[in-house]
Amino acid sequence: MKAIVQYKYGLPDDVLELKEINKPVVKDDDVLVRVHAASIHIGDWHLMRGVPYFLRMMFGLRKPRNSVPGNDIAGKVEAVGKNVKQLQPGDEVFGWCKGAFAEYACAGENNFVPKPVGLTFEQAAAVGVSAFTALQALRDQGKVQPGHKVLINGASGGVGTFAVQIAKSFGADVTGVCSTRNVDMVRSIGADHVIDYTQEDFTQSGQRYDVILDNVGNRSLSECRRPLTSRGTLIPNGGEAGLGRFVKALVLSLFVRQQGRPFLSLPKKEVLVVLKDLIESGKVTPVIDRTYLLSETPEAIGYVGEGHARGKVVITM
């Protein structure tokens, strides 16, 4: 099968290569999926370069442990192991795995659920890590409730476009922060208010919020807490300040009421099912900026790394 492979850390054109490799072997508890589409999230950009460097402690010191990158996929079940009960060949599914940027991918049965009705493979593949992050940040960390005022900094990106819609589905009053060219798009996906950061500083606006999800990370934690209510919560997510910002946020969360703990989004079947329900109820729709062919994956990851993607970038097979 064809796949994108990476044997060292670095920039896309230097370390990513389209090669012919062996198809994954299906074990007893596994599902083999013929990939129709895969999506890129900002984590793929960071892991490809191995920056921030503390990531290498988890994913490989000198080179990535997984030579085929990518996590988020949608496609058709090709084969199943003998212990798999809920899926069968021909089923259309979406979910997560290791090695998504390939014609075939293999993972445990609990990594996949049926593709949402009415969604294309490209839209379904766009859900993945970005939507997991948005849901876990707002539901589990921010505990967003109806009537809460929620601000999403970086509302036009992969996580941000899901976060705006998920916060609205919880009954929140949502403010999105984005650049001028994305104002109309952020409003179109449900934001009640949109702040153009080139014209207005949300930390100085005088408005108060119950939850702030910061997907950008270019402001200090104290600046981001300024617009919170006295019992509000700042959820830091994103940016390249690295381990220092992570540790600072973690320590502050022990002493500062408004400082939420930084978190790692963990894919779970339960979360995937919730997202499927939100999509099928019409409350959430993936936003896709661009699609690329598998052979164009280096260019696609480079585009995401520039930080200006509107919603998700998808690889098609």
Protein backbone atom coordinates (compact mmCIF):
# COMPACT_ATOMS: atom_id res chain seq x y z
CA MET A 1 0.00 0.00 0.00
CA LYS A 2 1.01 3.62 -0.39
CA ALA A 3 1.74 5.59 2.78
CA ILE A 4 3.50 8.70 4.02
CA VAL A 5 6.52 7.68 6.09
CA GLN A 6 8.80 9.63 8.43
CA TYR A 7 12.09 8.35 9.85
CA LYS A 8 13.42 11.53 11.47
CA TYR A 9 12.25 14.87 12.84
CA GLY A 10 12.26 17.97 10.70
CA LEU A 11 10.30 20.03 8.15
CA PRO A 12 7.72 18.42 5.82
CA ASP A 13 9.68 18.38 2.58
CA ASP A 14 12.75 17.01 4.36
CA VAL A 15 11.24 14.19 6.40
CA LEU A 16 7.98 13.05 4.77
CA GLU A 17 8.06 10.62 1.85
CA LEU A 18 5.41 8.70 -0.10
CA LYS A 19 6.44 5.02 -0.18
CA GLU A 20 5.06 1.57 -0.81
CA ILE A 21 4.92 -0.39 2.46
CA ASN A 22 3.22 -3.51 3.77
CA LYS A 23 -0.46 -3.43 4.60
CA PRO A 24 -1.14 -3.68 8.38
CA VAL A 25 -1.72 -7.17 9.77
CA VAL A 26 -5.15 -7.65 11.34
CA LYS A 27 -4.99 -9.17 14.83
CA ASP A 28 -7.87 -10.82 16.67
CA ASP A 29 -9.26 -7.59 18.17
CA ASP A 30 -8.47 -5.31 15.23
CA VAL A 31 -10.35 -3.63 12.43
CA LEU A 32 -8.62 -2.94 9.10
CA VAL A 33 -9.99 0.18 7.38
CA ARG A 34 -9.50 1.21 3.79
CA VAL A 35 -8.89 4.90 4.33
CA HIS A 36 -11.00 7.24 2.21
CA ALA A 37 -9.91 10.42 4.01
CA ALA A 38 -7.66 11.51 6.87
CA SER A 39 -7.34 14.90 8.53
CA ILE A 40 -4.46 16.94 9.89
CA HIS A 41 -4.42 18.71 13.23
CA ILE A 42 -1.79 21.02 14.65
CA GLY A 43 -0.36 18.17 16.71
CA ASP A 44 0.78 16.50 13.49
CA TRP A 45 2.88 19.59 12.73
CA HIS A 46 4.45 19.56 16.21
CA LEU A 47 5.12 15.81 16.22
CA MET A 48 6.66 15.90 12.74
CA ARG A 49 9.26 18.43 13.94
CA GLY A 50 9.56 17.03 17.46
CA VAL A 51 8.94 20.53 18.84
CA PRO A 52 8.36 21.36 21.69
CA TYR A 53 11.18 18.98 22.54
CA PHE A 54 9.46 17.41 25.56
CA LEU A 55 7.19 15.66 23.03
CA ARG A 56 10.13 13.43 22.10
CA MET A 57 10.04 11.93 25.59
CA MET A 58 6.63 10.48 24.70
CA PHE A 59 6.88 9.84 20.96
CA GLY A 60 10.53 8.95 20.34
CA LEU A 61 13.80 10.64 21.32
CA ARG A 62 15.69 10.52 18.01
CA LYS A 63 12.90 9.67 15.59
CA PRO A 64 9.14 9.03 15.76
CA ARG A 65 8.23 5.61 17.10
CA ASN A 66 5.45 5.42 14.53
CA SER A 67 6.91 5.78 11.06
CA VAL A 68 3.51 6.53 9.46
CA PRO A 69 2.02 9.74 10.91
CA GLY A 70 -1.62 10.74 11.28
CA ASN A 71 -4.50 9.85 13.59
CA ASP A 72 -7.92 10.84 12.25
CA ILE A 73 -9.57 8.77 9.54
CA ALA A 74 -12.81 7.80 7.84
CA GLY A 75 -13.27 4.89 5.48
CA LYS A 76 -14.74 1.42 4.93
CA VAL A 77 -14.00 -1.67 6.97
CA GLU A 78 -11.87 -4.03 4.88
CA ALA A 79 -11.43 -6.88 7.37
CA VAL A 80 -11.98 -7.67 11.06
CA GLY A 81 -10.32 -9.93 13.62
CA LYS A 82 -12.14 -12.95 15.01
CA ASN A 83 -13.04 -11.20 18.29
CA VAL A 84 -14.66 -8.15 16.64
CA LYS A 85 -18.43 -8.18 17.16
CA GLN A 86 -19.83 -4.74 16.31
CA LEU A 87 -18.29 -4.04 12.90
CA GLN A 88 -18.04 -6.02 9.68
CA PRO A 89 -16.47 -5.59 6.24
CA GLY A 90 -18.21 -2.90 4.21
CA ASP A 91 -19.23 -0.75 7.20
CA GLU A 92 -18.50 2.97 6.81
CA VAL A 93 -16.68 4.18 9.93
CA PHE A 94 -14.72 7.06 11.40
CA GLY A 95 -12.37 7.30 14.34
CA TRP A 96 -8.69 7.31 15.21
CA CYS A 97 -5.62 5.12 14.78
CA LYS A 98 -1.86 5.20 14.36
CA GLY A 99 -0.76 5.64 10.77
CA ALA A 100 -3.70 7.49 9.20
CA PHE A 101 -1.76 8.90 6.24
CA ALA A 102 -1.94 5.66 4.29
CA GLU A 103 -4.29 3.68 2.08
CA TYR A 104 -5.04 1.27 4.94
CA ALA A 105 -5.01 1.67 8.71
CA CYS A 106 -5.59 -0.77 11.54
CA ALA A 107 -6.74 -0.29 15.15
CA GLY A 108 -8.90 -1.85 17.86
CA GLU A 109 -12.66 -2.11 17.43
CA ASN A 110 -13.33 0.58 20.05
CA ASN A 111 -11.43 3.14 17.96
CA PHE A 112 -14.22 3.30 15.39
CA VAL A 113 -17.94 3.97 15.22
CA PRO A 114 -20.32 4.16 12.24
CA LYS A 115 -19.84 7.29 10.14
CA PRO A 116 -22.46 9.98 10.92
CA VAL A 117 -25.43 9.87 8.58
CA GLY A 118 -25.22 12.55 5.90
CA LEU A 119 -21.51 13.24 6.28
CA THR A 120 -18.98 12.68 3.53
CA PHE A 121 -15.83 10.71 4.31
CA GLU A 122 -13.89 13.98 4.18
CA GLN A 123 -16.17 15.62 6.76
CA ALA A 124 -16.10 12.57 9.02
CA ALA A 125 -12.31 12.40 8.91
CA ALA A 126 -12.19 16.06 9.95
CA VAL A 127 -13.72 15.31 13.37
CA GLY A 128 -11.01 13.42 15.28
CA VAL A 129 -8.54 15.03 17.67
CA SER A 130 -9.72 18.61 17.10
CA ALA A 131 -13.31 17.82 18.06
CA PHE A 132 -12.18 15.58 20.95
CA THR A 133 -10.15 18.50 22.29
CA ALA A 134 -12.98 21.01 21.97
CA LEU A 135 -15.52 18.74 23.68
CA GLN A 136 -13.24 17.67 26.51
CA ALA A 137 -12.08 21.24 27.11
CA LEU A 138 -15.57 22.72 27.32
CA ARG A 139 -17.49 19.84 28.91
CA ASP A 140 -14.91 18.30 31.24
CA GLN A 141 -12.56 21.19 32.02
CA GLY A 142 -14.82 24.24 31.65
CA LYS A 143 -18.06 22.52 32.71
CA VAL A 144 -19.99 24.83 30.39
CA GLN A 145 -23.66 25.25 31.32
CA PRO A 146 -26.65 26.94 29.63
CA GLY A 147 -26.33 30.72 29.95
CA HIS A 148 -22.57 30.72 30.46
CA LYS A 149 -20.61 33.32 28.55
CA VAL A 150 -17.82 31.52 26.69
CA LEU A 151 -14.96 33.05 24.72
CA ILE A 152 -13.06 30.99 22.15
CA ASN A 153 -9.68 32.53 21.27
CA GLY A 154 -8.65 31.11 17.91
CA ALA A 155 -12.24 30.45 16.87
CA SER A 156 -11.52 29.87 13.18
CA GLY A 157 -9.02 27.02 13.53
CA GLY A 158 -9.51 23.26 13.75
CA VAL A 159 -10.33 23.15 17.46
CA GLY A 160 -11.95 26.58 17.45
CA THR A 161 -14.61 25.84 14.82
CA PHE A 162 -15.71 22.78 16.78
CA ALA A 163 -15.54 24.66 20.09
CA VAL A 164 -17.85 27.44 18.91
CA GLN A 165 -20.48 24.93 17.82
CA ILE A 166 -20.14 22.66 20.85
CA ALA A 167 -20.41 25.59 23.27
CA LYS A 168 -23.58 26.72 21.45
CA SER A 169 -25.00 23.19 21.71
CA PHE A 170 -24.53 23.47 25.50
CA GLY A 171 -26.64 26.64 25.53
CA ALA A 172 -23.77 29.10 26.04
CA ASP A 173 -23.49 32.67 24.78
CA VAL A 174 -20.40 32.37 22.58
CA THR A 175 -17.82 34.95 21.57
CA GLY A 176 -15.27 33.98 18.94
CA VAL A 177 -11.91 35.73 18.46
CA CYS A 178 -10.37 35.56 14.98
CA SER A 179 -8.81 37.62 12.19
CA THR A 180 -10.72 39.94 9.87
CA ARG A 181 -11.01 37.44 7.02
CA ASN A 182 -12.65 34.85 9.28
CA VAL A 183 -15.24 37.02 11.02
CA ASP A 184 -18.12 36.04 8.73
CA MET A 185 -17.26 32.35 8.86
CA VAL A 186 -17.11 32.28 12.68
CA ARG A 187 -20.44 34.07 12.85
CA SER A 188 -21.94 31.61 10.34
CA ILE A 189 -21.14 28.59 12.56
CA GLY A 190 -23.05 30.06 15.49
CA ALA A 191 -20.95 32.59 17.40
CA ASP A 192 -23.19 35.20 19.04
CA HIS A 193 -20.38 37.76 19.01
CA VAL A 194 -17.15 37.92 17.03
CA ILE A 195 -14.05 39.94 17.97
CA ASP A 196 -11.59 40.81 15.22
CA TYR A 197 -8.29 40.67 17.06
CA THR A 198 -6.72 43.10 14.59
CA GLN A 199 -9.22 45.72 15.74
CA GLU A 200 -9.93 44.88 19.38
CA ASP A 201 -8.11 43.28 22.32
CA PHE A 202 -10.44 40.84 24.07
CA THR A 203 -8.43 41.15 27.29
CA GLN A 204 -9.23 44.88 27.39
CA SER A 205 -12.84 44.84 26.19
CA GLY A 206 -14.47 45.09 29.62
CA GLN A 207 -16.62 42.01 28.98
CA ARG A 208 -16.57 39.15 31.47
CA TYR A 209 -16.68 35.46 30.65
CA ASP A 210 -17.36 32.28 32.59
CA VAL A 211 -15.02 30.21 30.41
CA ILE A 212 -12.17 31.18 28.08
CA LEU A 213 -10.69 28.53 25.81
CA ASP A 214 -7.35 29.84 24.53
CA ASN A 215 -6.27 27.95 21.41
CA VAL A 216 -3.59 30.48 20.49
CA GLY A 217 -1.21 30.76 23.44
CA ASN A 218 0.34 34.08 22.39
CA ARG A 219 -0.80 35.98 25.50
CA SER A 220 0.30 35.53 29.10
CA LEU A 221 -1.90 33.48 31.39
CA SER A 222 -2.58 36.54 33.56
CA GLU A 223 -3.69 38.57 30.53
CA CYS A 224 -6.06 35.82 29.44
CA ARG A 225 -7.56 35.59 32.94
CA ARG A 226 -8.29 39.33 33.06
CA PRO A 227 -11.71 39.11 31.32
CA LEU A 228 -12.94 36.21 33.47
CA THR A 229 -15.64 36.46 36.11
CA SER A 230 -14.47 35.88 39.66
CA ARG A 231 -15.35 32.19 39.36
CA GLY A 232 -14.53 31.86 35.67
CA THR A 233 -12.08 29.35 34.19
CA LEU A 234 -9.23 29.78 31.72
CA ILE A 235 -8.49 26.65 29.69
CA PRO A 236 -5.06 26.90 28.02
CA ASN A 237 -4.75 24.87 24.84
CA GLY A 238 -2.17 25.44 22.14
CA GLY A 239 0.76 27.67 21.38
CA GLU A 240 4.45 26.80 21.21
CA ALA A 241 5.59 28.21 24.54
CA GLY A 242 6.17 24.56 25.36
CA LEU A 243 6.86 22.91 28.69
CA GLY A 244 7.35 26.20 30.55
CA ARG A 245 3.83 27.45 29.85
CA PHE A 246 2.40 23.99 30.56
CA VAL A 247 4.12 23.77 33.95
CA LYS A 248 3.24 27.36 34.86
CA ALA A 249 -0.44 26.76 34.10
CA LEU A 250 -0.36 23.52 36.07
CA VAL A 251 1.21 25.15 39.14
CA LEU A 252 -1.10 28.16 39.00
CA SER A 253 -4.12 25.87 38.85
CA LEU A 254 -3.26 24.77 42.40
CA PHE A 255 -3.44 28.32 43.75
CA VAL A 256 -5.47 30.48 41.34
CA ARG A 257 -9.19 29.73 41.22
CA GLN A 258 -9.60 30.96 37.65
CA GLN A 259 -6.70 28.97 36.23
CA GLY A 260 -7.80 25.70 34.68
CA ARG A 261 -5.29 22.90 34.36
CA PRO A 262 -3.71 22.25 30.99
CA PHE A 263 -4.84 18.90 29.65
CA LEU A 264 -4.10 16.32 27.00
CA SER A 265 -7.05 15.34 24.86
CA LEU A 266 -7.55 11.58 25.03
CA PRO A 267 -9.57 9.88 22.28
CA LYS A 268 -12.33 7.72 23.72
CA LYS A 269 -15.19 5.86 22.10
CA GLU A 270 -17.65 7.60 24.43
CA VAL A 271 -16.48 10.99 23.16
CA LEU A 272 -16.70 9.82 19.55
CA VAL A 273 -20.31 8.71 20.13
CA VAL A 274 -21.22 12.08 21.68
CA LEU A 275 -19.71 13.89 18.70
CA LYS A 276 -21.57 11.61 16.27
CA ASP A 277 -24.85 12.48 18.03
CA LEU A 278 -24.09 16.22 17.92
CA ILE A 279 -23.35 15.98 14.20
CA GLU A 280 -26.43 13.92 13.36
CA SER A 281 -28.64 16.33 15.34
CA GLY A 282 -27.35 19.20 13.20
CA LYS A 283 -25.65 20.99 16.09
CA VAL A 284 -22.10 20.48 14.80
CA THR A 285 -20.81 20.47 11.21
CA PRO A 286 -17.09 20.06 10.40
CA VAL A 287 -15.57 23.05 8.61
CA ILE A 288 -13.09 22.09 5.89
CA ASP A 289 -10.61 24.61 4.52
CA ARG A 290 -8.72 22.57 1.92
CA THR A 291 -8.27 19.02 0.70
CA TYR A 292 -5.03 17.48 -0.58
CA LEU A 293 -4.06 14.18 -2.18
CA LEU A 294 -2.01 11.68 -0.15
CA SER A 295 1.07 12.57 -2.21
CA GLU A 296 0.57 16.22 -1.21
CA THR A 297 0.65 15.52 2.55
CA PRO A 298 3.93 17.44 3.13
CA GLU A 299 2.37 20.55 1.61
CA ALA A 300 -0.82 20.03 3.63
CA ILE A 301 1.00 19.70 6.96
CA GLY A 302 3.10 22.74 6.11
CA TYR A 303 -0.06 24.73 5.47
CA VAL A 304 -1.51 23.73 8.84
CA GLY A 305 1.79 24.64 10.51
CA GLU A 306 1.50 28.21 9.20
CA GLY A 307 -1.43 28.64 11.59
CA HIS A 308 -3.93 30.21 9.19
CA ALA A 309 -6.14 27.26 8.25
CA ARG A 310 -9.88 27.93 8.45
CA GLY A 311 -11.23 24.82 10.09
CA LYS A 312 -9.73 21.50 9.02
CA VAL A 313 -7.34 20.33 6.30
CA VAL A 314 -8.12 16.89 4.89
CA ILE A 315 -6.13 14.29 2.95
CA THR A 316 -8.11 12.28 0.37
CA MET A 317 -7.12 8.94 -1.11
